N, C-alpha and C. Protein backbone atom coordinates (compact mmCIF):
# COMPACT_ATOMS: atom_id res chain seq x y z
N MET A 1 121.95 127.44 45.50
CA MET A 1 121.62 128.70 45.60
C MET A 1 122.33 128.61 44.14
N THR A 2 121.33 129.98 43.11
CA THR A 2 122.05 130.43 41.68
C THR A 2 122.54 131.53 42.34
N ASP A 3 123.24 132.10 41.31
CA ASP A 3 124.07 133.30 41.50
C ASP A 3 123.03 134.24 41.46
N ASP A 4 121.72 134.68 40.74
CA ASP A 4 120.66 135.74 41.19
C ASP A 4 120.20 135.25 42.59
N ASP A 5 120.81 134.07 43.35
CA ASP A 5 119.87 134.30 44.99
C ASP A 5 120.88 134.46 45.57
N MET A 6 122.40 135.06 45.29
CA MET A 6 123.58 135.23 45.94
C MET A 6 123.71 136.78 45.79
N TRP A 7 123.44 137.41 44.82
CA TRP A 7 123.53 139.16 44.58
C TRP A 7 122.03 139.15 44.64
N SER A 8 121.24 139.08 45.04
CA SER A 8 120.36 140.12 45.06
C SER A 8 120.32 141.07 46.45
N GLU A 9 119.50 142.50 46.34
CA GLU A 9 119.63 143.21 46.68
C GLU A 9 119.49 143.13 48.21
N ASP A 10 119.04 142.06 48.75
CA ASP A 10 119.26 141.59 50.12
C ASP A 10 120.43 141.64 50.60
N SER A 11 120.62 140.38 49.82
CA SER A 11 121.81 140.48 49.76
C SER A 11 122.98 141.21 50.12
N ILE A 12 123.40 141.86 48.96
CA ILE A 12 124.06 143.43 48.77
C ILE A 12 123.88 144.17 49.94
N ASP A 13 123.07 144.58 50.16
CA ASP A 13 122.46 145.69 51.61
C ASP A 13 123.33 145.21 51.84
N SER A 14 123.22 144.00 53.07
CA SER A 14 123.37 143.16 54.19
C SER A 14 125.61 142.83 54.32
N LEU A 15 126.00 142.76 52.82
CA LEU A 15 127.08 142.79 52.93
C LEU A 15 127.81 144.22 53.01
N ILE A 16 127.08 145.38 52.24
CA ILE A 16 127.56 146.46 52.63
C ILE A 16 127.63 147.28 53.83
N SER A 17 126.12 146.79 54.72
CA SER A 17 126.22 146.90 55.64
C SER A 17 127.17 146.22 56.57
N GLU A 18 127.29 145.22 56.37
CA GLU A 18 128.86 144.54 57.06
C GLU A 18 129.82 145.10 57.12
N ARG A 19 130.26 145.14 56.04
CA ARG A 19 131.53 145.87 55.78
C ARG A 19 131.95 147.17 56.00
N TYR A 20 130.81 148.28 56.17
CA TYR A 20 131.21 149.33 56.57
C TYR A 20 130.70 149.66 58.35
N TYR A 21 129.55 149.03 58.81
CA TYR A 21 129.76 148.80 60.26
C TYR A 21 130.70 149.24 61.20
N SER A 22 131.93 149.16 60.56
CA SER A 22 132.63 149.44 62.16
C SER A 22 133.49 150.72 61.52
N ASP A 23 133.37 151.21 60.59
CA ASP A 23 134.08 152.26 59.72
C ASP A 23 132.72 153.82 60.58
N PHE A 24 131.62 153.61 60.02
CA PHE A 24 130.36 153.89 60.97
C PHE A 24 130.69 154.48 62.17
N THR A 25 130.23 152.98 62.85
CA THR A 25 130.62 153.34 64.33
C THR A 25 131.60 154.32 64.31
N ASP A 26 132.60 154.00 64.33
CA ASP A 26 134.10 154.16 64.55
C ASP A 26 133.55 156.24 64.45
N ARG A 27 133.10 156.29 63.09
CA ARG A 27 133.11 157.36 62.55
C ARG A 27 132.03 158.63 63.63
N MET A 28 131.18 158.03 64.14
CA MET A 28 130.09 158.41 65.02
C MET A 28 130.79 158.43 66.28
N LYS A 29 131.93 157.31 67.21
CA LYS A 29 132.15 157.59 68.07
C LYS A 29 133.09 159.09 68.29
N LYS A 30 133.99 159.67 66.84
CA LYS A 30 134.10 160.61 67.07
C LYS A 30 133.68 161.58 67.20
N ILE A 31 132.37 161.92 66.55
CA ILE A 31 131.49 162.66 66.13
C ILE A 31 130.75 163.06 68.34
N ALA A 32 130.84 161.81 68.55
CA ALA A 32 130.54 161.99 70.05
C ALA A 32 131.26 162.91 70.85
N GLU A 33 132.34 162.61 70.86
CA GLU A 33 133.23 162.77 71.69
C GLU A 33 134.01 164.40 71.48
N GLY A 34 133.69 164.54 69.83
CA GLY A 34 133.52 165.90 70.05
C GLY A 34 132.49 167.09 70.36
N MET A 35 131.35 166.88 70.83
CA MET A 35 130.20 167.50 71.41
C MET A 35 130.51 167.47 73.27
N THR A 36 130.31 168.42 73.23
CA THR A 36 130.03 169.05 74.87
C THR A 36 128.57 168.39 75.57
N PRO A 37 128.33 167.58 76.37
CA PRO A 37 126.69 167.95 76.85
C PRO A 37 125.90 169.29 77.53
N GLN A 38 125.02 169.54 76.72
CA GLN A 38 124.73 171.16 77.57
C GLN A 38 123.10 170.23 78.72
N LYS A 39 123.16 170.62 79.24
CA LYS A 39 122.09 171.03 80.13
C LYS A 39 121.07 171.87 80.16
N ASN A 40 119.75 171.32 80.37
CA ASN A 40 118.16 172.29 80.04
C ASN A 40 118.17 172.59 81.19
N GLU A 41 118.74 173.55 81.81
CA GLU A 41 118.51 173.96 83.13
C GLU A 41 117.37 174.18 83.62
N SER A 42 116.39 174.85 82.88
CA SER A 42 115.03 175.02 83.39
C SER A 42 114.08 173.24 83.91
N ALA A 43 114.94 172.55 82.20
CA ALA A 43 114.30 171.19 82.83
C ALA A 43 114.87 170.62 84.10
N PHE A 44 116.41 170.71 84.44
CA PHE A 44 116.27 170.38 85.98
C PHE A 44 115.55 170.93 87.12
N ARG A 45 115.45 172.33 86.57
CA ARG A 45 114.40 172.82 87.97
C ARG A 45 113.30 172.53 88.23
N ARG A 46 112.93 171.80 87.08
CA ARG A 46 111.05 171.73 87.16
C ARG A 46 111.09 170.56 87.12
N PHE A 47 112.17 169.66 86.94
CA PHE A 47 111.96 167.91 87.26
C PHE A 47 112.95 167.74 88.52
N SER A 48 112.87 168.50 89.29
CA SER A 48 113.85 168.13 90.50
C SER A 48 113.10 166.58 91.23
N PRO A 49 114.24 165.68 91.31
CA PRO A 49 113.98 164.46 91.52
C PRO A 49 113.80 164.37 93.17
N PHE A 50 114.35 165.10 94.13
CA PHE A 50 114.51 165.46 95.36
C PHE A 50 113.19 166.18 96.00
N LYS A 51 112.62 166.51 95.17
CA LYS A 51 111.01 167.72 95.69
C LYS A 51 109.88 166.70 95.29
N LEU A 52 110.06 165.23 94.43
CA LEU A 52 109.18 164.99 94.64
C LEU A 52 108.67 163.87 95.68
N ASN A 53 106.92 163.59 95.98
CA ASN A 53 106.71 163.17 96.76
C ASN A 53 106.10 161.67 96.35
N LEU A 54 106.87 160.69 96.56
CA LEU A 54 106.60 159.67 96.40
C LEU A 54 104.98 158.88 97.55
N GLU A 55 104.92 159.29 98.31
CA GLU A 55 104.39 158.69 99.32
C GLU A 55 102.58 158.39 99.36
N ASN A 56 102.42 159.48 98.53
CA ASN A 56 100.99 159.53 97.52
C ASN A 56 100.50 158.96 96.61
N VAL A 57 101.60 157.61 95.82
CA VAL A 57 101.51 157.19 95.22
C VAL A 57 100.92 155.81 94.66
């Protein structure tokens, strides 16, 4: 393996990805913890699983 092979664009991208992966996931977890889930009430009323008739399927 030569230096050119070792420092190709793919190798550099892979190393950068490995280096910052945990920082990225930690940041995404912090963002997700700060959000509150919002339910779409009209969708819940429209697709009520307890009103489905599965006998005729």
